[in-house]
Amino acid sequence: MQLNKLKPAAGSTHAKRRVGRGIGCGLGKTCGRGHKGQKSRSGGFHKVGFEGGQMPLQRRLPKRGFVSLTRNDGVQVRLSDLQKMPVDEIDLLALKQAGVIPSAALSAKVILSGEIKRAVKLQGLLLTKGARAAVEAAGGSIAE
């Protein structure tokens, strides 16, 4: 197969409709627009969803849901990330300085992913039950 030899399958394309070419084509004179009215005129336009002054559908229906502006402020931290960190006292600032979490993060939650084999002191971090058990089993401590 060569890119310059590609073409559509036989019968899948057809010639563009040419309007205003006389009565023989079936689309002469008014060119399929009908006789009078806004849509028959050149430049005739109304905005999408406009219903002639009636309250439009998108305004009649109730609005649902909520998109939080702070939904990405909390991040997850793996136990294996804590294992790699050079310091023993770990808090939000230490995680940011080590590049484990983005600087815009407002909170961090330690999850049970990977393993930790050294004692670390966690300060001001959230933990899952499994992560808490793993940190305490390795001899670490958790200060809220």
N, C-alpha and C. Protein backbone atom coordinates (compact mmCIF):
# COMPACT_ATOMS: atom_id res chain seq x y z
N MET A 1 0.85 -1.19 0.00
CA MET A 1 0.00 0.00 0.00
C MET A 1 0.89 1.24 0.00
N GLN A 2 0.51 2.20 -0.84
CA GLN A 2 1.24 3.46 -0.91
C GLN A 2 0.26 4.61 -0.69
N LEU A 3 0.70 5.62 0.03
CA LEU A 3 -0.20 6.72 0.38
C LEU A 3 -0.72 7.46 -0.84
N ASN A 4 0.10 7.54 -1.90
CA ASN A 4 -0.36 8.27 -3.09
C ASN A 4 -1.30 7.43 -3.95
N LYS A 5 -1.52 6.18 -3.59
CA LYS A 5 -2.44 5.32 -4.35
C LYS A 5 -3.77 5.11 -3.64
N LEU A 6 -3.92 5.70 -2.43
CA LEU A 6 -5.17 5.53 -1.68
C LEU A 6 -6.31 6.28 -2.35
N LYS A 7 -7.49 5.66 -2.40
CA LYS A 7 -8.68 6.33 -2.90
C LYS A 7 -9.89 5.71 -2.24
N PRO A 8 -11.02 6.43 -2.19
CA PRO A 8 -12.23 5.90 -1.56
C PRO A 8 -12.73 4.66 -2.29
N ALA A 9 -13.49 3.83 -1.58
CA ALA A 9 -14.06 2.63 -2.19
C ALA A 9 -15.04 3.02 -3.28
N ALA A 10 -15.18 2.15 -4.27
CA ALA A 10 -16.06 2.43 -5.41
C ALA A 10 -17.50 2.61 -4.92
N GLY A 11 -18.15 3.70 -5.33
CA GLY A 11 -19.53 3.95 -4.97
C GLY A 11 -19.72 4.67 -3.65
N SER A 12 -18.65 4.92 -2.92
CA SER A 12 -18.81 5.55 -1.61
C SER A 12 -18.85 7.07 -1.70
N THR A 13 -18.46 7.64 -2.82
CA THR A 13 -18.52 9.10 -2.99
C THR A 13 -19.44 9.44 -4.15
N HIS A 14 -19.98 10.64 -4.11
CA HIS A 14 -20.83 11.09 -5.20
C HIS A 14 -20.61 12.59 -5.39
N ALA A 15 -21.02 13.09 -6.55
CA ALA A 15 -20.79 14.49 -6.88
C ALA A 15 -21.61 15.39 -5.98
N LYS A 16 -21.07 16.56 -5.68
CA LYS A 16 -21.74 17.53 -4.85
C LYS A 16 -23.00 18.03 -5.55
N ARG A 17 -24.06 18.30 -4.79
CA ARG A 17 -25.32 18.79 -5.35
C ARG A 17 -25.12 20.22 -5.84
N ARG A 18 -25.48 20.47 -7.11
CA ARG A 18 -25.36 21.82 -7.68
C ARG A 18 -26.77 22.40 -7.80
N VAL A 19 -27.00 23.47 -7.07
CA VAL A 19 -28.33 24.06 -7.04
C VAL A 19 -28.37 25.30 -7.92
N GLY A 20 -29.59 25.66 -8.33
CA GLY A 20 -29.76 26.88 -9.13
C GLY A 20 -29.31 26.72 -10.56
N ARG A 21 -29.46 25.50 -11.14
CA ARG A 21 -29.01 25.27 -12.51
C ARG A 21 -30.19 24.93 -13.43
N GLY A 22 -31.38 25.45 -13.10
CA GLY A 22 -32.53 25.24 -13.97
C GLY A 22 -33.47 24.17 -13.46
N ILE A 23 -34.65 24.07 -14.07
CA ILE A 23 -35.68 23.16 -13.58
C ILE A 23 -35.34 21.71 -13.83
N GLY A 24 -34.47 21.43 -14.74
CA GLY A 24 -34.15 20.04 -15.06
C GLY A 24 -33.48 19.30 -13.92
N CYS A 25 -32.76 19.99 -13.07
CA CYS A 25 -32.06 19.31 -11.97
C CYS A 25 -32.95 19.12 -10.75
N GLY A 26 -34.12 19.76 -10.74
CA GLY A 26 -35.01 19.64 -9.59
C GLY A 26 -34.68 20.61 -8.48
N LEU A 27 -33.60 21.34 -8.62
CA LEU A 27 -33.21 22.31 -7.59
C LEU A 27 -32.92 23.67 -8.23
N GLY A 28 -33.76 24.05 -9.19
CA GLY A 28 -33.60 25.37 -9.82
C GLY A 28 -34.40 26.40 -9.05
N LYS A 29 -34.44 27.59 -9.55
CA LYS A 29 -35.19 28.71 -8.99
C LYS A 29 -34.92 28.95 -7.51
N THR A 30 -35.69 28.34 -6.60
CA THR A 30 -35.50 28.63 -5.18
C THR A 30 -34.39 27.77 -4.56
N CYS A 31 -33.85 26.85 -5.29
CA CYS A 31 -32.68 26.06 -4.87
C CYS A 31 -32.93 25.26 -3.60
N GLY A 32 -34.15 24.78 -3.41
CA GLY A 32 -34.43 23.94 -2.26
C GLY A 32 -34.71 24.71 -0.99
N ARG A 33 -34.82 26.05 -1.07
CA ARG A 33 -35.03 26.86 0.13
C ARG A 33 -36.50 27.17 0.37
N GLY A 34 -37.39 26.82 -0.52
CA GLY A 34 -38.79 27.20 -0.36
C GLY A 34 -38.99 28.61 -0.89
N HIS A 35 -40.14 29.22 -0.56
CA HIS A 35 -40.43 30.51 -1.18
C HIS A 35 -40.10 31.71 -0.30
N LYS A 36 -40.75 31.87 0.84
CA LYS A 36 -40.51 33.08 1.62
C LYS A 36 -40.01 32.72 3.02
N GLY A 37 -39.62 33.73 3.73
CA GLY A 37 -39.23 33.55 5.12
C GLY A 37 -37.75 33.77 5.34
N GLN A 38 -37.38 33.82 6.61
CA GLN A 38 -36.01 34.14 6.97
C GLN A 38 -35.00 33.16 6.39
N LYS A 39 -35.36 31.86 6.39
CA LYS A 39 -34.40 30.85 5.92
C LYS A 39 -34.25 30.85 4.41
N SER A 40 -35.13 31.53 3.70
CA SER A 40 -34.99 31.57 2.24
C SER A 40 -34.07 32.69 1.79
N ARG A 41 -33.83 33.65 2.66
CA ARG A 41 -33.05 34.82 2.27
C ARG A 41 -31.55 34.58 2.51
N SER A 42 -30.75 35.31 1.75
CA SER A 42 -29.31 35.21 1.99
C SER A 42 -29.02 35.92 3.30
N GLY A 43 -28.19 35.34 4.10
CA GLY A 43 -27.88 35.91 5.41
C GLY A 43 -28.93 35.60 6.44
N GLY A 44 -29.96 34.80 6.09
CA GLY A 44 -30.99 34.45 7.06
C GLY A 44 -30.40 33.55 8.12
N PHE A 45 -30.47 33.96 9.36
CA PHE A 45 -29.77 33.23 10.41
C PHE A 45 -30.52 33.38 11.71
N HIS A 46 -30.58 32.32 12.49
CA HIS A 46 -31.01 32.44 13.89
C HIS A 46 -30.10 31.54 14.70
N LYS A 47 -29.91 31.91 15.95
CA LYS A 47 -28.91 31.20 16.74
C LYS A 47 -29.34 29.77 17.05
N VAL A 48 -28.37 28.93 17.29
CA VAL A 48 -28.62 27.53 17.58
C VAL A 48 -29.45 27.41 18.85
N GLY A 49 -30.52 26.62 18.78
CA GLY A 49 -31.39 26.44 19.93
C GLY A 49 -32.50 27.47 20.03
N PHE A 50 -32.53 28.44 19.13
CA PHE A 50 -33.58 29.47 19.17
C PHE A 50 -34.91 28.86 18.78
N GLU A 51 -35.96 29.14 19.55
CA GLU A 51 -37.27 28.55 19.31
C GLU A 51 -38.33 29.63 19.12
N GLY A 52 -37.97 30.70 18.44
CA GLY A 52 -38.95 31.73 18.11
C GLY A 52 -39.39 32.55 19.30
N GLY A 53 -38.58 32.65 20.32
CA GLY A 53 -38.94 33.42 21.50
C GLY A 53 -39.45 32.56 22.64
N GLN A 54 -39.88 31.32 22.32
CA GLN A 54 -40.24 30.37 23.38
C GLN A 54 -38.99 30.04 24.19
N MET A 55 -39.20 29.73 25.46
CA MET A 55 -38.05 29.39 26.31
C MET A 55 -37.36 28.14 25.74
N PRO A 56 -36.09 28.24 25.35
CA PRO A 56 -35.43 27.12 24.68
C PRO A 56 -35.25 25.90 25.59
N LEU A 57 -35.09 24.77 24.96
CA LEU A 57 -35.02 23.50 25.68
C LEU A 57 -33.88 23.50 26.70
N GLN A 58 -32.72 24.02 26.32
CA GLN A 58 -31.58 23.98 27.24
C GLN A 58 -31.79 24.87 28.46
N ARG A 59 -32.75 25.78 28.41
CA ARG A 59 -33.07 26.60 29.58
C ARG A 59 -34.28 26.07 30.34
N ARG A 60 -35.11 25.24 29.68
CA ARG A 60 -36.27 24.67 30.35
C ARG A 60 -35.89 23.50 31.25
N LEU A 61 -34.83 22.77 30.88
CA LEU A 61 -34.46 21.58 31.64
C LEU A 61 -33.68 21.95 32.89
N PRO A 62 -33.83 21.18 33.97
CA PRO A 62 -33.08 21.49 35.19
C PRO A 62 -31.60 21.19 35.02
N LYS A 63 -30.80 21.95 35.69
CA LYS A 63 -29.35 21.73 35.64
C LYS A 63 -28.98 20.72 36.71
N ARG A 64 -28.07 19.82 36.40
CA ARG A 64 -27.68 18.76 37.33
C ARG A 64 -26.19 18.79 37.56
N GLY A 65 -25.81 18.40 38.75
CA GLY A 65 -24.40 18.17 39.01
C GLY A 65 -23.64 19.41 39.44
N PHE A 66 -22.38 19.16 39.73
CA PHE A 66 -21.51 20.20 40.24
C PHE A 66 -20.07 19.82 39.90
N VAL A 67 -19.30 20.76 39.39
CA VAL A 67 -17.89 20.51 39.10
C VAL A 67 -17.07 21.32 40.08
N SER A 68 -16.37 20.62 40.94
CA SER A 68 -15.60 21.29 41.98
C SER A 68 -14.34 21.92 41.40
N LEU A 69 -14.04 23.12 41.81
CA LEU A 69 -12.82 23.78 41.36
C LEU A 69 -11.59 23.25 42.08
N THR A 70 -11.80 22.54 43.19
CA THR A 70 -10.68 22.03 43.97
C THR A 70 -10.54 20.52 43.86
N ARG A 71 -11.09 19.91 42.82
CA ARG A 71 -11.12 18.46 42.74
C ARG A 71 -9.73 17.84 42.57
N ASN A 72 -8.76 18.59 42.06
CA ASN A 72 -7.43 18.04 41.83
C ASN A 72 -6.41 18.50 42.87
N ASP A 73 -6.88 19.06 43.98
CA ASP A 73 -5.94 19.59 44.98
C ASP A 73 -5.35 18.50 45.86
N GLY A 74 -6.03 17.37 46.00
CA GLY A 74 -5.51 16.27 46.81
C GLY A 74 -4.86 15.23 45.90
N VAL A 75 -3.68 14.75 46.28
CA VAL A 75 -2.96 13.77 45.45
C VAL A 75 -2.67 12.51 46.25
N GLN A 76 -2.37 11.43 45.54
CA GLN A 76 -2.06 10.16 46.17
C GLN A 76 -0.55 9.92 46.13
N VAL A 77 -0.04 9.35 47.20
CA VAL A 77 1.39 9.04 47.31
C VAL A 77 1.52 7.55 47.61
N ARG A 78 2.38 6.87 46.89
CA ARG A 78 2.60 5.44 47.12
C ARG A 78 3.59 5.23 48.27
N LEU A 79 3.49 4.07 48.89
CA LEU A 79 4.47 3.72 49.93
C LEU A 79 5.87 3.61 49.32
N SER A 80 5.96 3.14 48.08
CA SER A 80 7.27 3.01 47.44
C SER A 80 7.91 4.38 47.23
N ASP A 81 7.09 5.44 47.06
CA ASP A 81 7.64 6.80 46.95
C ASP A 81 8.26 7.24 48.28
N LEU A 82 7.60 6.87 49.39
CA LEU A 82 8.13 7.22 50.72
C LEU A 82 9.43 6.47 50.98
N GLN A 83 9.52 5.24 50.50
CA GLN A 83 10.73 4.42 50.69
C GLN A 83 11.93 5.08 50.01
N LYS A 84 11.71 5.71 48.86
CA LYS A 84 12.81 6.30 48.09
C LYS A 84 13.26 7.65 48.64
N MET A 85 12.43 8.29 49.49
CA MET A 85 12.77 9.63 49.97
C MET A 85 13.97 9.59 50.92
N PRO A 86 14.86 10.58 50.84
CA PRO A 86 16.08 10.58 51.65
C PRO A 86 15.86 10.98 53.12
N VAL A 87 14.72 11.59 53.45
CA VAL A 87 14.50 12.06 54.82
C VAL A 87 13.61 11.09 55.58
N ASP A 88 13.68 11.18 56.94
CA ASP A 88 12.88 10.29 57.78
C ASP A 88 11.60 10.96 58.27
N GLU A 89 11.60 12.28 58.35
CA GLU A 89 10.39 13.01 58.74
C GLU A 89 9.74 13.56 57.47
N ILE A 90 8.55 13.05 57.17
CA ILE A 90 7.91 13.37 55.90
C ILE A 90 6.60 14.11 56.16
N ASP A 91 6.50 15.30 55.55
CA ASP A 91 5.25 16.05 55.58
C ASP A 91 4.98 16.57 54.17
N LEU A 92 3.96 17.40 54.03
CA LEU A 92 3.57 17.89 52.71
C LEU A 92 4.70 18.67 52.04
N LEU A 93 5.39 19.50 52.80
CA LEU A 93 6.47 20.31 52.24
C LEU A 93 7.62 19.43 51.76
N ALA A 94 7.96 18.40 52.54
CA ALA A 94 9.04 17.50 52.14
C ALA A 94 8.69 16.76 50.85
N LEU A 95 7.43 16.37 50.70
CA LEU A 95 7.00 15.69 49.48
C LEU A 95 7.09 16.62 48.27
N LYS A 96 6.76 17.90 48.47
CA LYS A 96 6.85 18.87 47.39
C LYS A 96 8.30 19.13 47.00
N GLN A 97 9.17 19.25 47.99
CA GLN A 97 10.58 19.52 47.71
C GLN A 97 11.25 18.35 47.01
N ALA A 98 10.82 17.14 47.32
CA ALA A 98 11.38 15.95 46.68
C ALA A 98 10.81 15.71 45.29
N GLY A 99 9.77 16.48 44.92
CA GLY A 99 9.18 16.33 43.60
C GLY A 99 8.22 15.16 43.48
N VAL A 100 7.80 14.62 44.62
CA VAL A 100 6.88 13.48 44.61
C VAL A 100 5.47 13.95 44.25
N ILE A 101 5.10 15.14 44.74
CA ILE A 101 3.77 15.69 44.45
C ILE A 101 3.94 17.08 43.84
N PRO A 102 2.96 17.56 43.09
CA PRO A 102 3.07 18.90 42.52
C PRO A 102 3.00 19.98 43.59
N SER A 103 3.56 21.12 43.28
CA SER A 103 3.64 22.20 44.27
C SER A 103 2.26 22.80 44.57
N ALA A 104 1.27 22.59 43.68
CA ALA A 104 -0.06 23.15 43.90
C ALA A 104 -0.93 22.27 44.79
N ALA A 105 -0.46 21.09 45.16
CA ALA A 105 -1.26 20.16 45.95
C ALA A 105 -1.50 20.73 47.35
N LEU A 106 -2.74 20.58 47.83
CA LEU A 106 -3.08 21.07 49.16
C LEU A 106 -3.12 19.95 50.19
N SER A 107 -3.26 18.71 49.75
CA SER A 107 -3.25 17.57 50.67
C SER A 107 -2.73 16.35 49.94
N ALA A 108 -2.27 15.37 50.71
CA ALA A 108 -1.75 14.14 50.13
C ALA A 108 -2.24 12.97 50.95
N LYS A 109 -2.53 11.85 50.27
CA LYS A 109 -2.99 10.65 50.93
C LYS A 109 -2.07 9.51 50.55
N VAL A 110 -1.53 8.83 51.56
CA VAL A 110 -0.62 7.71 51.32
C VAL A 110 -1.47 6.46 51.10
N ILE A 111 -1.20 5.76 49.98
CA ILE A 111 -1.97 4.56 49.65
C ILE A 111 -1.06 3.34 49.70
N LEU A 112 -1.67 2.18 49.86
CA LEU A 112 -0.93 0.92 49.96
C LEU A 112 -0.55 0.45 48.57
N SER A 113 0.58 0.94 48.08
CA SER A 113 1.10 0.54 46.78
C SER A 113 2.61 0.47 46.90
N GLY A 114 3.18 -0.68 46.66
CA GLY A 114 4.59 -0.87 46.92
C GLY A 114 4.78 -1.26 48.37
N GLU A 115 5.99 -1.16 48.85
CA GLU A 115 6.24 -1.52 50.26
C GLU A 115 7.24 -0.56 50.87
N ILE A 116 7.20 -0.48 52.18
CA ILE A 116 8.13 0.38 52.92
C ILE A 116 8.82 -0.49 53.96
N LYS A 117 10.14 -0.37 54.02
CA LYS A 117 10.92 -1.23 54.91
C LYS A 117 11.68 -0.45 55.96
N ARG A 118 11.53 0.87 56.00
CA ARG A 118 12.25 1.65 57.00
C ARG A 118 11.26 2.48 57.80
N ALA A 119 11.70 2.90 58.97
CA ALA A 119 10.83 3.67 59.86
C ALA A 119 10.83 5.13 59.43
N VAL A 120 9.65 5.65 59.19
CA VAL A 120 9.52 7.07 58.84
C VAL A 120 8.47 7.69 59.76
N LYS A 121 8.60 9.00 59.95
CA LYS A 121 7.63 9.73 60.75
C LYS A 121 6.80 10.59 59.81
N LEU A 122 5.50 10.31 59.75
CA LEU A 122 4.61 11.04 58.86
C LEU A 122 3.85 12.11 59.64
N GLN A 123 3.83 13.31 59.08
CA GLN A 123 3.19 14.44 59.75
C GLN A 123 2.22 15.12 58.79
N GLY A 124 0.96 15.23 59.18
CA GLY A 124 -0.02 15.98 58.40
C GLY A 124 -0.44 15.34 57.10
N LEU A 125 -0.32 14.02 56.99
CA LEU A 125 -0.72 13.32 55.78
C LEU A 125 -1.89 12.40 56.08
N LEU A 126 -2.74 12.17 55.09
CA LEU A 126 -3.82 11.20 55.22
C LEU A 126 -3.29 9.83 54.82
N LEU A 127 -3.82 8.78 55.42
CA LEU A 127 -3.39 7.42 55.08
C LEU A 127 -4.60 6.50 54.95
N THR A 128 -4.49 5.52 54.08
CA THR A 128 -5.50 4.48 54.03
C THR A 128 -5.21 3.49 55.15
N LYS A 129 -6.17 2.61 55.45
CA LYS A 129 -5.98 1.64 56.53
C LYS A 129 -4.77 0.75 56.27
N GLY A 130 -4.66 0.26 55.02
CA GLY A 130 -3.55 -0.62 54.67
C GLY A 130 -2.21 0.08 54.76
N ALA A 131 -2.16 1.34 54.31
CA ALA A 131 -0.91 2.11 54.35
C ALA A 131 -0.52 2.39 55.80
N ARG A 132 -1.51 2.70 56.64
CA ARG A 132 -1.23 2.95 58.05
C ARG A 132 -0.64 1.71 58.71
N ALA A 133 -1.22 0.56 58.42
CA ALA A 133 -0.72 -0.69 58.99
C ALA A 133 0.70 -0.99 58.51
N ALA A 134 0.98 -0.72 57.23
CA ALA A 134 2.31 -1.00 56.67
C ALA A 134 3.37 -0.09 57.28
N VAL A 135 3.04 1.18 57.48
CA VAL A 135 4.00 2.14 58.06
C VAL A 135 4.30 1.75 59.51
N GLU A 136 3.24 1.40 60.26
CA GLU A 136 3.44 1.02 61.65
C GLU A 136 4.18 -0.31 61.76
N ALA A 137 3.96 -1.23 60.83
CA ALA A 137 4.66 -2.52 60.86
C ALA A 137 6.14 -2.32 60.57
N ALA A 138 6.49 -1.29 59.80
CA ALA A 138 7.91 -1.02 59.50
C ALA A 138 8.57 -0.23 60.61
N GLY A 139 7.83 0.09 61.68
CA GLY A 139 8.40 0.82 62.81
C GLY A 139 8.20 2.31 62.72
N GLY A 140 7.42 2.78 61.79
CA GLY A 140 7.19 4.21 61.62
C GLY A 140 6.10 4.72 62.54
N SER A 141 5.96 6.05 62.58
CA SER A 141 4.94 6.67 63.40
C SER A 141 4.15 7.68 62.58
N ILE A 142 2.92 7.93 63.01
CA ILE A 142 2.03 8.82 62.27
C ILE A 142 1.52 9.89 63.23
N ALA A 143 1.79 11.15 62.91
CA ALA A 143 1.28 12.27 63.70
C ALA A 143 0.26 13.01 62.85
N GLU A 144 -0.93 13.19 63.37
CA GLU A 144 -1.99 13.84 62.58
C GLU A 144 -1.83 15.34 62.59
